[in-house]
Amino acid sequence: MKAYLKNHSSNTLTTSMTPRIEILQEKRLVGMHQEMSLATNKTGQLWSNFMPRRHEITHIHTSDLISLQIYPPTYFAQFSPWNSFEKWACMEVKSSAPIPPGMDNIILPSGLYAVFEYRGLPSEPQIFQYIFNSWLPSSGYELDHRPHFEVLGEKYQNNNPNSEEEIWIPVKM
C-alpha cells in the first residue's frame, strides 16, 4: 500500500502503510558522498555536485538515482539531529563499471529490507517518524545495521508533493 500525505499543511498520514519485505541482492553503486547531520544537512549541495556529472557513470544497471545513508551503529539508539552520517548520491552499476574521477563506489550488501512506497515531499519527516516510531516497533522486525536508501525512479520529482519514491529500510527478524 502506498504512503500518501493527506494534507501537506497539516502533515498527517492518511493510510496504514504496509511495506513489502524484500531480500535485496548485493549491488555496486557509484557516486559521490559527504559527511553530514540532519542539523547541518548538505543534501542539496551533494546532489548539486552529483547531477551534472551523473552522465560520466557508465555501465549503469538502471537510470534510477539512489540517495543512500550510512549511519553509525549508535545513531538511532542515541539519536540527536547533530549525529553525523554519510550520505551518497549514486547510481547502481554493473560490476565492471569504471569509477569516474572524483567519485567513489560502494557495495550495498544483500539483506532483508522493508520497502515503503512514498508519495510526497522528501523534506516531510512524518514518513520516517511513522516508520521508526509506529511501524518498526510493532512489525516483528528490528533495524539492521546496513545502509538505508531511497530509490528515486521515473516518478520522482524534486520538491513536488506528487513525487514518488521507494524508501528501503534494513531490517532483520
N, C-alpha and C. Protein backbone atom coordinates (compact mmCIF):
# COMPACT_ATOMS: atom_id res chain seq x y z
N MET A 1 0.84 -1.17 0.00
CA MET A 1 0.00 0.00 0.00
C MET A 1 0.89 1.23 0.00
N LYS A 2 0.54 2.22 -0.76
CA LYS A 2 1.35 3.42 -0.85
C LYS A 2 1.08 4.35 0.32
N ALA A 3 2.13 5.05 0.72
CA ALA A 3 2.01 6.03 1.79
C ALA A 3 1.76 7.39 1.15
N TYR A 4 0.67 8.01 1.52
CA TYR A 4 0.34 9.32 0.97
C TYR A 4 0.13 10.31 2.10
N LEU A 5 0.45 11.55 1.84
CA LEU A 5 0.14 12.60 2.79
C LEU A 5 -1.23 13.14 2.45
N LYS A 6 -2.10 13.25 3.45
CA LYS A 6 -3.46 13.71 3.27
C LYS A 6 -3.51 15.20 2.98
N ASN A 7 -2.85 15.95 3.80
CA ASN A 7 -2.89 17.40 3.69
C ASN A 7 -1.50 17.89 4.01
N HIS A 8 -0.82 18.43 3.04
CA HIS A 8 0.57 18.81 3.25
C HIS A 8 0.73 19.90 4.28
N SER A 9 -0.30 20.69 4.53
CA SER A 9 -0.16 21.72 5.56
C SER A 9 -0.35 21.15 6.94
N SER A 10 -1.14 20.09 7.08
CA SER A 10 -1.31 19.50 8.41
C SER A 10 -0.34 18.35 8.65
N ASN A 11 0.27 17.84 7.56
CA ASN A 11 1.29 16.80 7.66
C ASN A 11 0.79 15.53 8.34
N THR A 12 -0.43 15.10 8.06
CA THR A 12 -0.93 13.86 8.61
C THR A 12 -0.94 12.78 7.55
N LEU A 13 -0.60 11.57 7.95
CA LEU A 13 -0.59 10.45 7.02
C LEU A 13 -1.99 9.88 6.92
N THR A 14 -2.38 9.49 5.71
CA THR A 14 -3.76 9.07 5.50
C THR A 14 -3.97 7.57 5.63
N THR A 15 -3.00 6.78 5.30
CA THR A 15 -3.27 5.35 5.24
C THR A 15 -2.34 4.58 6.15
N SER A 16 -2.76 3.39 6.45
CA SER A 16 -1.88 2.46 7.14
C SER A 16 -0.85 2.04 6.11
N MET A 17 0.41 2.27 6.40
CA MET A 17 1.44 1.98 5.41
C MET A 17 2.07 0.62 5.69
N THR A 18 1.79 -0.30 4.82
CA THR A 18 2.36 -1.63 4.96
C THR A 18 3.43 -1.80 3.90
N PRO A 19 4.68 -1.97 4.32
CA PRO A 19 5.73 -2.13 3.32
C PRO A 19 5.74 -3.54 2.76
N ARG A 20 6.39 -3.68 1.63
CA ARG A 20 6.70 -5.03 1.16
C ARG A 20 8.07 -5.38 1.75
N ILE A 21 8.28 -6.63 2.03
CA ILE A 21 9.56 -7.10 2.58
C ILE A 21 10.30 -7.81 1.46
N GLU A 22 11.51 -7.36 1.20
CA GLU A 22 12.31 -7.91 0.10
C GLU A 22 13.69 -8.30 0.57
N ILE A 23 14.22 -9.33 -0.08
CA ILE A 23 15.63 -9.68 0.10
C ILE A 23 16.38 -9.02 -1.04
N LEU A 24 17.21 -8.06 -0.70
CA LEU A 24 17.99 -7.33 -1.69
C LEU A 24 19.27 -8.11 -1.98
N GLN A 25 19.58 -8.28 -3.24
CA GLN A 25 20.85 -8.89 -3.62
C GLN A 25 21.93 -7.81 -3.62
N GLU A 26 23.16 -8.20 -3.38
CA GLU A 26 24.28 -7.25 -3.35
C GLU A 26 24.30 -6.40 -4.62
N LYS A 27 24.59 -5.11 -4.44
CA LYS A 27 24.64 -4.18 -5.56
C LYS A 27 25.88 -3.31 -5.44
N ARG A 28 26.40 -2.92 -6.59
CA ARG A 28 27.52 -1.98 -6.63
C ARG A 28 26.98 -0.63 -7.06
N LEU A 29 27.32 0.40 -6.32
CA LEU A 29 26.87 1.76 -6.60
C LEU A 29 28.07 2.66 -6.83
N VAL A 30 27.89 3.66 -7.70
CA VAL A 30 28.94 4.64 -7.96
C VAL A 30 28.32 6.03 -7.83
N GLY A 31 29.04 6.91 -7.15
CA GLY A 31 28.55 8.27 -7.00
C GLY A 31 29.45 9.08 -6.10
N MET A 32 28.84 10.06 -5.44
CA MET A 32 29.55 10.96 -4.54
C MET A 32 28.95 10.86 -3.14
N HIS A 33 29.78 11.15 -2.14
CA HIS A 33 29.28 11.08 -0.77
C HIS A 33 29.84 12.22 0.06
N GLN A 34 29.15 12.47 1.17
CA GLN A 34 29.54 13.58 2.03
C GLN A 34 29.06 13.30 3.45
N GLU A 35 29.87 13.67 4.41
CA GLU A 35 29.51 13.56 5.82
C GLU A 35 28.58 14.72 6.16
N MET A 36 27.52 14.43 6.93
CA MET A 36 26.58 15.49 7.33
C MET A 36 25.76 15.02 8.52
N SER A 37 24.92 15.88 9.02
CA SER A 37 23.95 15.55 10.05
C SER A 37 22.62 16.15 9.62
N LEU A 38 21.55 15.83 10.33
CA LEU A 38 20.27 16.46 10.00
C LEU A 38 20.33 17.96 10.28
N ALA A 39 21.06 18.34 11.31
CA ALA A 39 21.17 19.76 11.67
C ALA A 39 22.03 20.54 10.68
N THR A 40 23.00 19.87 10.09
CA THR A 40 23.87 20.51 9.09
C THR A 40 23.68 19.81 7.74
N ASN A 41 22.44 19.70 7.32
CA ASN A 41 22.07 18.96 6.14
C ASN A 41 22.70 19.57 4.87
N LYS A 42 23.48 18.77 4.17
CA LYS A 42 24.15 19.21 2.95
C LYS A 42 23.67 18.40 1.73
N THR A 43 22.46 17.84 1.85
CA THR A 43 21.93 17.02 0.78
C THR A 43 21.84 17.79 -0.53
N GLY A 44 21.33 19.01 -0.49
CA GLY A 44 21.21 19.82 -1.70
C GLY A 44 22.55 20.05 -2.37
N GLN A 45 23.56 20.34 -1.58
CA GLN A 45 24.91 20.55 -2.10
C GLN A 45 25.45 19.27 -2.75
N LEU A 46 25.25 18.14 -2.07
CA LEU A 46 25.71 16.86 -2.59
C LEU A 46 25.08 16.56 -3.95
N TRP A 47 23.76 16.71 -4.05
CA TRP A 47 23.07 16.42 -5.31
C TRP A 47 23.40 17.46 -6.38
N SER A 48 23.63 18.70 -5.98
CA SER A 48 24.04 19.74 -6.95
C SER A 48 25.39 19.42 -7.56
N ASN A 49 26.26 18.80 -6.80
CA ASN A 49 27.56 18.38 -7.32
C ASN A 49 27.45 17.12 -8.19
N PHE A 50 26.55 16.22 -7.80
CA PHE A 50 26.43 14.94 -8.49
C PHE A 50 25.68 15.02 -9.82
N MET A 51 24.54 15.70 -9.83
CA MET A 51 23.65 15.66 -11.01
C MET A 51 24.33 16.08 -12.32
N PRO A 52 25.13 17.15 -12.36
CA PRO A 52 25.76 17.49 -13.64
C PRO A 52 26.78 16.45 -14.11
N ARG A 53 27.23 15.59 -13.19
CA ARG A 53 28.26 14.61 -13.54
C ARG A 53 27.74 13.18 -13.65
N ARG A 54 26.47 12.96 -13.40
CA ARG A 54 25.93 11.59 -13.37
C ARG A 54 26.11 10.88 -14.71
N HIS A 55 26.16 11.64 -15.79
CA HIS A 55 26.30 11.03 -17.12
C HIS A 55 27.71 10.48 -17.36
N GLU A 56 28.65 10.80 -16.47
CA GLU A 56 30.00 10.23 -16.56
C GLU A 56 30.02 8.77 -16.10
N ILE A 57 28.97 8.36 -15.39
CA ILE A 57 28.90 6.98 -14.90
C ILE A 57 28.43 6.09 -16.05
N THR A 58 29.23 5.09 -16.36
CA THR A 58 28.90 4.18 -17.45
C THR A 58 28.55 2.80 -16.88
N HIS A 59 28.05 1.96 -17.73
CA HIS A 59 27.67 0.59 -17.36
C HIS A 59 26.62 0.60 -16.24
N ILE A 60 25.67 1.54 -16.34
CA ILE A 60 24.63 1.61 -15.31
C ILE A 60 23.66 0.45 -15.44
N HIS A 61 23.16 0.01 -14.31
CA HIS A 61 22.19 -1.09 -14.28
C HIS A 61 20.79 -0.55 -14.57
N THR A 62 20.45 0.60 -13.96
CA THR A 62 19.18 1.29 -14.23
C THR A 62 19.47 2.79 -14.22
N SER A 63 18.52 3.57 -14.70
CA SER A 63 18.69 5.02 -14.68
C SER A 63 18.19 5.63 -13.37
N ASP A 64 17.71 4.80 -12.44
CA ASP A 64 17.24 5.30 -11.16
C ASP A 64 18.39 5.93 -10.37
N LEU A 65 18.09 7.01 -9.69
CA LEU A 65 19.05 7.63 -8.78
C LEU A 65 18.82 7.04 -7.40
N ILE A 66 19.89 6.96 -6.61
CA ILE A 66 19.79 6.40 -5.27
C ILE A 66 20.38 7.39 -4.27
N SER A 67 19.59 7.69 -3.26
CA SER A 67 20.03 8.51 -2.15
C SER A 67 20.24 7.55 -0.98
N LEU A 68 21.48 7.40 -0.54
CA LEU A 68 21.84 6.37 0.42
C LEU A 68 22.45 7.00 1.67
N GLN A 69 22.11 6.43 2.83
CA GLN A 69 22.65 6.90 4.10
C GLN A 69 23.32 5.74 4.83
N ILE A 70 24.51 6.01 5.35
CA ILE A 70 25.21 5.04 6.20
C ILE A 70 25.29 5.65 7.59
N TYR A 71 24.58 5.04 8.52
CA TYR A 71 24.53 5.56 9.89
C TYR A 71 25.47 4.77 10.79
N PRO A 72 26.15 5.43 11.73
CA PRO A 72 26.97 4.71 12.71
C PRO A 72 26.09 3.77 13.55
N PRO A 73 26.66 2.75 14.16
CA PRO A 73 25.87 1.76 14.92
C PRO A 73 24.99 2.37 16.02
N THR A 74 25.41 3.45 16.65
CA THR A 74 24.62 4.02 17.76
C THR A 74 23.74 5.18 17.32
N TYR A 75 23.65 5.43 16.03
CA TYR A 75 22.93 6.61 15.52
C TYR A 75 21.49 6.70 16.04
N PHE A 76 20.74 5.61 15.97
CA PHE A 76 19.33 5.64 16.36
C PHE A 76 19.15 5.43 17.87
N ALA A 77 20.05 4.69 18.50
CA ALA A 77 19.94 4.46 19.95
C ALA A 77 20.18 5.73 20.74
N GLN A 78 21.06 6.58 20.26
CA GLN A 78 21.38 7.84 20.92
C GLN A 78 21.14 8.98 19.94
N PHE A 79 19.90 9.06 19.44
CA PHE A 79 19.59 10.00 18.37
C PHE A 79 19.72 11.46 18.79
N SER A 80 20.33 12.22 17.91
CA SER A 80 20.40 13.67 18.01
C SER A 80 20.48 14.20 16.59
N PRO A 81 19.85 15.34 16.29
CA PRO A 81 19.98 15.88 14.94
C PRO A 81 21.41 16.28 14.58
N TRP A 82 22.29 16.29 15.56
CA TRP A 82 23.70 16.63 15.33
C TRP A 82 24.55 15.40 15.04
N ASN A 83 24.00 14.19 15.18
CA ASN A 83 24.75 12.97 14.88
C ASN A 83 25.13 12.94 13.41
N SER A 84 26.38 12.66 13.13
CA SER A 84 26.86 12.61 11.75
C SER A 84 26.58 11.26 11.11
N PHE A 85 26.38 11.30 9.81
CA PHE A 85 26.24 10.09 9.00
C PHE A 85 26.80 10.41 7.62
N GLU A 86 26.96 9.37 6.81
CA GLU A 86 27.48 9.54 5.45
C GLU A 86 26.32 9.43 4.47
N LYS A 87 26.20 10.40 3.59
CA LYS A 87 25.12 10.43 2.59
C LYS A 87 25.73 10.30 1.21
N TRP A 88 25.10 9.50 0.36
CA TRP A 88 25.54 9.25 -1.00
C TRP A 88 24.48 9.70 -2.00
N ALA A 89 24.92 10.23 -3.11
CA ALA A 89 24.12 10.44 -4.31
C ALA A 89 24.76 9.51 -5.34
N CYS A 90 24.00 8.49 -5.80
CA CYS A 90 24.66 7.46 -6.61
C CYS A 90 23.69 6.75 -7.54
N MET A 91 24.26 5.83 -8.32
CA MET A 91 23.51 5.01 -9.26
C MET A 91 24.05 3.58 -9.19
N GLU A 92 23.16 2.62 -9.46
CA GLU A 92 23.58 1.23 -9.50
C GLU A 92 24.28 0.96 -10.82
N VAL A 93 25.42 0.26 -10.74
CA VAL A 93 26.20 -0.05 -11.93
C VAL A 93 26.51 -1.54 -11.99
N LYS A 94 26.93 -1.97 -13.15
CA LYS A 94 27.39 -3.35 -13.31
C LYS A 94 28.76 -3.47 -12.66
N SER A 95 29.15 -4.68 -12.33
CA SER A 95 30.40 -4.90 -11.58
C SER A 95 31.63 -4.40 -12.32
N SER A 96 31.57 -4.32 -13.65
CA SER A 96 32.73 -3.90 -14.43
C SER A 96 32.82 -2.39 -14.64
N ALA A 97 31.90 -1.64 -14.11
CA ALA A 97 31.85 -0.20 -14.37
C ALA A 97 33.07 0.52 -13.80
N PRO A 98 33.70 1.38 -14.60
CA PRO A 98 34.80 2.19 -14.08
C PRO A 98 34.25 3.29 -13.16
N ILE A 99 35.12 3.81 -12.31
CA ILE A 99 34.73 4.87 -11.38
C ILE A 99 35.27 6.19 -11.94
N PRO A 100 34.38 7.13 -12.28
CA PRO A 100 34.85 8.41 -12.80
C PRO A 100 35.70 9.15 -11.77
N PRO A 101 36.64 9.98 -12.21
CA PRO A 101 37.45 10.77 -11.28
C PRO A 101 36.56 11.62 -10.37
N GLY A 102 36.91 11.67 -9.10
CA GLY A 102 36.14 12.46 -8.14
C GLY A 102 34.92 11.75 -7.60
N MET A 103 34.71 10.50 -8.00
CA MET A 103 33.59 9.69 -7.48
C MET A 103 34.16 8.47 -6.80
N ASP A 104 33.30 7.77 -6.08
CA ASP A 104 33.68 6.55 -5.38
C ASP A 104 32.64 5.48 -5.66
N ASN A 105 32.96 4.27 -5.22
CA ASN A 105 31.97 3.20 -5.31
C ASN A 105 31.75 2.60 -3.93
N ILE A 106 30.61 1.97 -3.78
CA ILE A 106 30.24 1.33 -2.53
C ILE A 106 29.48 0.06 -2.88
N ILE A 107 29.71 -0.97 -2.09
CA ILE A 107 28.97 -2.22 -2.26
C ILE A 107 27.83 -2.20 -1.25
N LEU A 108 26.62 -2.30 -1.75
CA LEU A 108 25.43 -2.39 -0.92
C LEU A 108 25.22 -3.87 -0.63
N PRO A 109 25.42 -4.29 0.64
CA PRO A 109 25.34 -5.72 0.93
C PRO A 109 23.90 -6.26 0.82
N SER A 110 23.80 -7.54 0.55
CA SER A 110 22.49 -8.16 0.46
C SER A 110 21.87 -8.22 1.85
N GLY A 111 20.56 -8.35 1.88
CA GLY A 111 19.87 -8.46 3.15
C GLY A 111 18.40 -8.13 3.01
N LEU A 112 17.71 -8.24 4.11
CA LEU A 112 16.27 -8.02 4.19
C LEU A 112 15.97 -6.53 4.33
N TYR A 113 14.98 -6.06 3.58
CA TYR A 113 14.56 -4.65 3.62
C TYR A 113 13.05 -4.54 3.68
N ALA A 114 12.58 -3.54 4.43
CA ALA A 114 11.18 -3.11 4.38
C ALA A 114 11.15 -1.97 3.36
N VAL A 115 10.30 -2.11 2.35
CA VAL A 115 10.26 -1.14 1.26
C VAL A 115 8.92 -0.40 1.30
N PHE A 116 9.00 0.90 1.54
CA PHE A 116 7.81 1.74 1.61
C PHE A 116 7.69 2.55 0.32
N GLU A 117 6.53 2.51 -0.31
CA GLU A 117 6.27 3.34 -1.47
C GLU A 117 5.69 4.64 -0.94
N TYR A 118 6.36 5.73 -1.24
CA TYR A 118 6.01 7.02 -0.66
C TYR A 118 5.71 8.04 -1.74
N ARG A 119 4.64 8.82 -1.51
CA ARG A 119 4.33 9.94 -2.38
C ARG A 119 4.24 11.18 -1.51
N GLY A 120 5.00 12.19 -1.86
CA GLY A 120 5.01 13.43 -1.10
C GLY A 120 6.36 14.11 -1.20
N LEU A 121 6.50 15.16 -0.45
CA LEU A 121 7.77 15.90 -0.43
C LEU A 121 8.82 15.11 0.34
N PRO A 122 10.04 15.01 -0.19
CA PRO A 122 11.08 14.29 0.54
C PRO A 122 11.49 15.00 1.83
N SER A 123 11.15 16.27 1.95
CA SER A 123 11.52 17.02 3.14
C SER A 123 10.55 16.82 4.30
N GLU A 124 9.47 16.07 4.08
CA GLU A 124 8.48 15.81 5.14
C GLU A 124 8.99 14.70 6.06
N PRO A 125 9.20 14.97 7.34
CA PRO A 125 9.73 13.95 8.25
C PRO A 125 8.71 12.92 8.72
N GLN A 126 7.41 13.15 8.47
CA GLN A 126 6.38 12.27 9.01
C GLN A 126 6.51 10.82 8.56
N ILE A 127 6.93 10.59 7.33
CA ILE A 127 7.07 9.21 6.88
C ILE A 127 8.10 8.46 7.72
N PHE A 128 9.22 9.12 8.04
CA PHE A 128 10.25 8.45 8.83
C PHE A 128 9.84 8.33 10.29
N GLN A 129 9.09 9.30 10.79
CA GLN A 129 8.56 9.19 12.15
C GLN A 129 7.63 7.98 12.23
N TYR A 130 6.78 7.81 11.22
CA TYR A 130 5.89 6.66 11.17
C TYR A 130 6.70 5.35 11.12
N ILE A 131 7.67 5.28 10.22
CA ILE A 131 8.44 4.05 10.06
C ILE A 131 9.13 3.66 11.36
N PHE A 132 9.85 4.60 11.97
CA PHE A 132 10.66 4.26 13.14
C PHE A 132 9.89 4.25 14.47
N ASN A 133 8.83 5.04 14.57
CA ASN A 133 8.10 5.12 15.84
C ASN A 133 6.84 4.29 15.89
N SER A 134 6.24 3.98 14.74
CA SER A 134 4.99 3.21 14.71
C SER A 134 5.18 1.84 14.07
N TRP A 135 5.58 1.82 12.80
CA TRP A 135 5.64 0.55 12.09
C TRP A 135 6.69 -0.38 12.67
N LEU A 136 7.94 0.06 12.79
CA LEU A 136 9.03 -0.82 13.21
C LEU A 136 8.79 -1.47 14.58
N PRO A 137 8.41 -0.71 15.62
CA PRO A 137 8.21 -1.34 16.93
C PRO A 137 7.12 -2.41 16.96
N SER A 138 6.15 -2.34 16.07
CA SER A 138 5.06 -3.32 16.07
C SER A 138 5.16 -4.33 14.93
N SER A 139 6.26 -4.32 14.19
CA SER A 139 6.37 -5.12 12.97
C SER A 139 6.87 -6.55 13.15
N GLY A 140 7.54 -6.82 14.27
CA GLY A 140 8.20 -8.11 14.40
C GLY A 140 9.61 -8.11 13.84
N TYR A 141 10.02 -6.99 13.29
CA TYR A 141 11.37 -6.82 12.77
C TYR A 141 12.11 -5.83 13.65
N GLU A 142 13.42 -5.83 13.52
CA GLU A 142 14.22 -4.78 14.15
C GLU A 142 15.16 -4.21 13.12
N LEU A 143 15.62 -3.02 13.39
CA LEU A 143 16.52 -2.33 12.47
C LEU A 143 17.83 -3.09 12.36
N ASP A 144 18.34 -3.24 11.15
CA ASP A 144 19.62 -3.89 10.92
C ASP A 144 20.65 -2.81 10.59
N HIS A 145 21.91 -3.09 10.89
CA HIS A 145 22.96 -2.10 10.63
C HIS A 145 23.54 -2.30 9.23
N ARG A 146 22.82 -1.77 8.25
CA ARG A 146 23.24 -1.73 6.86
C ARG A 146 22.75 -0.40 6.30
N PRO A 147 23.18 -0.01 5.11
CA PRO A 147 22.73 1.27 4.56
C PRO A 147 21.22 1.36 4.38
N HIS A 148 20.69 2.54 4.58
CA HIS A 148 19.29 2.91 4.28
C HIS A 148 19.35 3.65 2.95
N PHE A 149 18.31 3.54 2.13
CA PHE A 149 18.36 4.28 0.88
C PHE A 149 16.97 4.52 0.32
N GLU A 150 16.92 5.49 -0.60
CA GLU A 150 15.71 5.79 -1.34
C GLU A 150 16.01 5.64 -2.82
N VAL A 151 15.09 4.99 -3.53
CA VAL A 151 15.20 4.86 -4.98
C VAL A 151 14.36 5.96 -5.60
N LEU A 152 15.02 6.81 -6.35
CA LEU A 152 14.38 7.95 -7.00
C LEU A 152 14.22 7.60 -8.47
N GLY A 153 13.11 6.98 -8.80
CA GLY A 153 12.87 6.49 -10.15
C GLY A 153 12.21 7.53 -11.04
N GLU A 154 11.55 7.04 -12.09
CA GLU A 154 10.97 7.94 -13.10
C GLU A 154 9.83 8.79 -12.56
N LYS A 155 9.19 8.40 -11.46
CA LYS A 155 8.09 9.19 -10.90
C LYS A 155 8.57 10.17 -9.83
N TYR A 156 9.87 10.21 -9.60
CA TYR A 156 10.42 11.16 -8.62
C TYR A 156 10.48 12.55 -9.24
N GLN A 157 9.99 13.54 -8.50
CA GLN A 157 10.02 14.93 -8.94
C GLN A 157 10.46 15.76 -7.75
N ASN A 158 11.66 16.26 -7.77
CA ASN A 158 12.21 17.01 -6.64
C ASN A 158 11.30 18.19 -6.27
N ASN A 159 11.02 18.33 -4.98
CA ASN A 159 10.20 19.42 -4.43
C ASN A 159 8.78 19.47 -4.98
N ASN A 160 8.23 18.32 -5.33
CA ASN A 160 6.85 18.25 -5.81
C ASN A 160 6.06 17.34 -4.87
N PRO A 161 4.91 17.79 -4.36
CA PRO A 161 4.14 16.96 -3.43
C PRO A 161 3.59 15.68 -4.06
N ASN A 162 3.62 15.56 -5.37
CA ASN A 162 3.17 14.34 -6.04
C ASN A 162 4.33 13.41 -6.41
N SER A 163 5.51 13.74 -5.95
CA SER A 163 6.69 12.93 -6.23
C SER A 163 6.54 11.55 -5.59
N GLU A 164 7.07 10.52 -6.26
CA GLU A 164 7.02 9.16 -5.73
C GLU A 164 8.43 8.59 -5.65
N GLU A 165 8.68 7.85 -4.58
CA GLU A 165 9.97 7.19 -4.38
C GLU A 165 9.76 5.96 -3.52
N GLU A 166 10.78 5.11 -3.48
CA GLU A 166 10.77 3.96 -2.58
C GLU A 166 11.78 4.20 -1.47
N ILE A 167 11.35 3.92 -0.25
CA ILE A 167 12.22 4.06 0.92
C ILE A 167 12.57 2.65 1.40
N TRP A 168 13.85 2.32 1.40
CA TRP A 168 14.33 0.99 1.77
C TRP A 168 15.00 1.07 3.15
N ILE A 169 14.41 0.35 4.11
CA ILE A 169 14.90 0.33 5.49
C ILE A 169 15.44 -1.07 5.79
N PRO A 170 16.71 -1.20 6.22
CA PRO A 170 17.26 -2.53 6.50
C PRO A 170 16.68 -3.11 7.79
N VAL A 171 16.17 -4.32 7.70
CA VAL A 171 15.56 -4.97 8.87
C VAL A 171 16.08 -6.39 9.02
N LYS A 172 15.85 -6.92 10.21
CA LYS A 172 16.13 -8.34 10.48
C LYS A 172 15.06 -8.85 11.43
N MET A 173 14.90 -10.16 11.46
CA MET A 173 13.89 -10.78 12.34
C MET A 173 14.34 -10.69 13.79
